């Protein structure tokens, strides 16, 4: 399931997307949903998730001078695009987890 785009907002105890659709139905207290309390810090992190994801995608291949050439490379593992990330790359793992890829 694709991630609903932001910005997200907090309405009392319901976190919803830009169109007003609830993202966390249990938090919204819908009929039949279990009650879940969300810590204010967690709610702020959830609200900032679309912007954090966009920033991670922006810096994924930030590029820097390597051997006097400007090359797109990952700031975490140093691998060059289009070759891809190293298996140990934490940035790639986070992006895969958010994007719902297998073996994230």
C-alpha atoms as a PDB file:
ATOM      1  CA  UNK A   1       0.000   0.000   0.000  1.00  0.00           C
ATOM      2  CA  UNK A   2       1.514   3.346  -0.986  1.00  0.00           C
ATOM      3  CA  UNK A   3       2.223   5.960   1.623  1.00  0.00           C
ATOM      4  CA  UNK A   4      -0.410   8.702   1.641  1.00  0.00           C
ATOM      5  CA  UNK A   5       1.159  12.015   0.836  1.00  0.00           C
ATOM      6  CA  UNK A   6       1.459  14.806   3.357  1.00  0.00           C
ATOM      7  CA  UNK A   7       1.116  17.183   4.856  1.00  0.00           C
ATOM      8  CA  UNK A   8      -0.613  15.326   7.646  1.00  0.00           C
ATOM      9  CA  UNK A   9      -2.556  17.027  10.413  1.00  0.00           C
ATOM     10  CA  UNK A  10      -3.637  16.222  13.933  1.00  0.00           C
ATOM     11  CA  UNK A  11      -7.312  16.775  14.797  1.00  0.00           C
ATOM     12  CA  UNK A  12      -7.824  16.080  18.501  1.00  0.00           C
ATOM     13  CA  UNK A  13      -6.803  12.389  18.531  1.00  0.00           C
ATOM     14  CA  UNK A  14      -7.022  11.714  14.783  1.00  0.00           C
ATOM     15  CA  UNK A  15      -4.102  12.000  12.391  1.00  0.00           C
ATOM     16  CA  UNK A  16      -5.334  12.572   8.836  1.00  0.00           C
ATOM     17  CA  UNK A  17      -3.871  13.185   5.390  1.00  0.00           C
ATOM     18  CA  UNK A  18      -4.178  16.349   3.284  1.00  0.00           C
ATOM     19  CA  UNK A  19      -7.663  15.316   2.121  1.00  0.00           C
ATOM     20  CA  UNK A  20      -8.896  14.720   5.672  1.00  0.00           C
ATOM     21  CA  UNK A  21      -8.861  10.906   5.485  1.00  0.00           C
ATOM     22  CA  UNK A  22      -7.693   9.240   8.719  1.00  0.00           C
ATOM     23  CA  UNK A  23      -4.274   7.613   8.602  1.00  0.00           C
ATOM     24  CA  UNK A  24      -4.591   5.783  11.915  1.00  0.00           C
ATOM     25  CA  UNK A  25      -8.148   4.559  12.318  1.00  0.00           C
ATOM     26  CA  UNK A  26      -7.534   3.165  15.793  1.00  0.00           C
ATOM     27  CA  UNK A  27      -6.221   6.529  16.920  1.00  0.00           C
ATOM     28  CA  UNK A  28      -9.340   8.133  15.458  1.00  0.00           C
ATOM     29  CA  UNK A  29     -11.538   5.981  17.686  1.00  0.00           C
ATOM     30  CA  UNK A  30     -13.635   4.450  14.904  1.00  0.00           C
ATOM     31  CA  UNK A  31     -16.279   1.925  15.897  1.00  0.00           C
ATOM     32  CA  UNK A  32     -14.732  -1.461  16.547  1.00  0.00           C
ATOM     33  CA  UNK A  33     -11.200  -0.090  16.670  1.00  0.00           C
ATOM     34  CA  UNK A  34      -9.092  -0.665  19.752  1.00  0.00           C
ATOM     35  CA  UNK A  35      -8.209   2.373  21.789  1.00  0.00           C
ATOM     36  CA  UNK A  36      -4.624   3.412  21.235  1.00  0.00           C
ATOM     37  CA  UNK A  37      -3.029   6.329  22.967  1.00  0.00           C
ATOM     38  CA  UNK A  38      -0.393   8.239  21.038  1.00  0.00           C
ATOM     39  CA  UNK A  39       2.324  10.042  22.922  1.00  0.00           C
ATOM     40  CA  UNK A  40       2.639  13.706  21.811  1.00  0.00           C
ATOM     41  CA  UNK A  41       6.253  13.068  20.714  1.00  0.00           C
ATOM     42  CA  UNK A  42       5.109  10.098  18.603  1.00  0.00           C
ATOM     43  CA  UNK A  43       2.322  12.189  17.076  1.00  0.00           C
ATOM     44  CA  UNK A  44       4.821  14.894  16.069  1.00  0.00           C
ATOM     45  CA  UNK A  45       7.077  12.262  14.489  1.00  0.00           C
ATOM     46  CA  UNK A  46       4.118  10.821  12.572  1.00  0.00           C
ATOM     47  CA  UNK A  47       3.115  14.289  11.392  1.00  0.00           C
ATOM     48  CA  UNK A  48       6.666  14.993  10.189  1.00  0.00           C
ATOM     49  CA  UNK A  49       7.054  11.628   8.414  1.00  0.00           C
ATOM     50  CA  UNK A  50       6.267  12.848   4.867  1.00  0.00           C
ATOM     51  CA  UNK A  51       8.799  15.662   5.140  1.00  0.00           C
ATOM     52  CA  UNK A  52      11.424  13.349   6.669  1.00  0.00           C
ATOM     53  CA  UNK A  53      10.916  10.818   3.855  1.00  0.00           C
ATOM     54  CA  UNK A  54      11.174  13.557   1.198  1.00  0.00           C
ATOM     55  CA  UNK A  55      14.411  14.816   2.773  1.00  0.00           C
ATOM     56  CA  UNK A  56      15.918  11.314   2.878  1.00  0.00           C
ATOM     57  CA  UNK A  57      15.071  10.839  -0.824  1.00  0.00           C
ATOM     58  CA  UNK A  58      16.634  14.224  -1.590  1.00  0.00           C
ATOM     59  CA  UNK A  59      19.934  13.392   0.131  1.00  0.00           C
ATOM     60  CA  UNK A  60      20.016   9.729  -0.954  1.00  0.00           C
ATOM     61  CA  UNK A  61      22.290  10.554  -3.897  1.00  0.00           C
ATOM     62  CA  UNK A  62      23.566  13.905  -2.648  1.00  0.00           C
ATOM     63  CA  UNK A  63      26.755  13.799  -4.669  1.00  0.00           C
ATOM     64  CA  UNK A  64      30.150  15.120  -3.704  1.00  0.00           C
ATOM     65  CA  UNK A  65      33.571  15.417  -5.206  1.00  0.00           C
ATOM     66  CA  UNK A  66      35.195  12.031  -5.580  1.00  0.00           C
ATOM     67  CA  UNK A  67      38.554  11.932  -7.348  1.00  0.00           C
ATOM     68  CA  UNK A  68      38.007  15.495  -8.685  1.00  0.00           C
ATOM     69  CA  UNK A  69      34.671  14.544 -10.282  1.00  0.00           C
ATOM     70  CA  UNK A  70      31.158  15.383  -9.173  1.00  0.00           C
ATOM     71  CA  UNK A  71      29.413  12.036  -8.760  1.00  0.00           C
ATOM     72  CA  UNK A  72      26.059  11.085  -7.280  1.00  0.00           C
ATOM     73  CA  UNK A  73      26.782   8.890  -4.298  1.00  0.00           C
ATOM     74  CA  UNK A  74      25.114   7.911  -1.043  1.00  0.00           C
ATOM     75  CA  UNK A  75      26.357   9.934   1.951  1.00  0.00           C
ATOM     76  CA  UNK A  76      25.931   6.884   4.222  1.00  0.00           C
ATOM     77  CA  UNK A  77      27.571   4.008   2.358  1.00  0.00           C
ATOM     78  CA  UNK A  78      29.513   5.955  -0.277  1.00  0.00           C
ATOM     79  CA  UNK A  79      28.244   3.824  -3.143  1.00  0.00           C
ATOM     80  CA  UNK A  80      27.727   5.461  -6.510  1.00  0.00           C
ATOM     81  CA  UNK A  81      24.457   5.665  -8.390  1.00  0.00           C
ATOM     82  CA  UNK A  82      23.345   3.772 -10.512  1.00  0.00           C
ATOM     83  CA  UNK A  83      25.297   0.879  -8.965  1.00  0.00           C
ATOM     84  CA  UNK A  84      23.143   1.048  -5.848  1.00  0.00           C
ATOM     85  CA  UNK A  85      23.689   0.970  -2.113  1.00  0.00           C
ATOM     86  CA  UNK A  86      25.925  -1.314  -0.112  1.00  0.00           C
ATOM     87  CA  UNK A  87      24.161  -4.120   1.753  1.00  0.00           C
ATOM     88  CA  UNK A  88      25.022  -2.446   5.081  1.00  0.00           C
ATOM     89  CA  UNK A  89      23.618   0.992   4.114  1.00  0.00           C
ATOM     90  CA  UNK A  90      21.285   2.282   6.844  1.00  0.00           C
ATOM     91  CA  UNK A  91      19.775   4.959   4.575  1.00  0.00           C
ATOM     92  CA  UNK A  92      18.820   2.345   1.969  1.00  0.00           C
ATOM     93  CA  UNK A  93      17.317   0.131   4.695  1.00  0.00           C
ATOM     94  CA  UNK A  94      15.142   2.968   6.027  1.00  0.00           C
ATOM     95  CA  UNK A  95      13.956   3.931   2.541  1.00  0.00           C
ATOM     96  CA  UNK A  96      13.156   0.288   1.694  1.00  0.00           C
ATOM     97  CA  UNK A  97      11.180  -0.083   4.919  1.00  0.00           C
ATOM     98  CA  UNK A  98       9.144   3.074   4.217  1.00  0.00           C
ATOM     99  CA  UNK A  99       8.562   2.068   0.609  1.00  0.00           C
ATOM    100  CA  UNK A 100       7.443  -1.403   1.702  1.00  0.00           C
ATOM    101  CA  UNK A 101      10.090  -3.364  -0.168  1.00  0.00           C
ATOM    102  CA  UNK A 102      10.837  -6.973   0.728  1.00  0.00           C
ATOM    103  CA  UNK A 103      13.771  -7.713   3.020  1.00  0.00           C
ATOM    104  CA  UNK A 104      13.922  -4.126   4.298  1.00  0.00           C
END
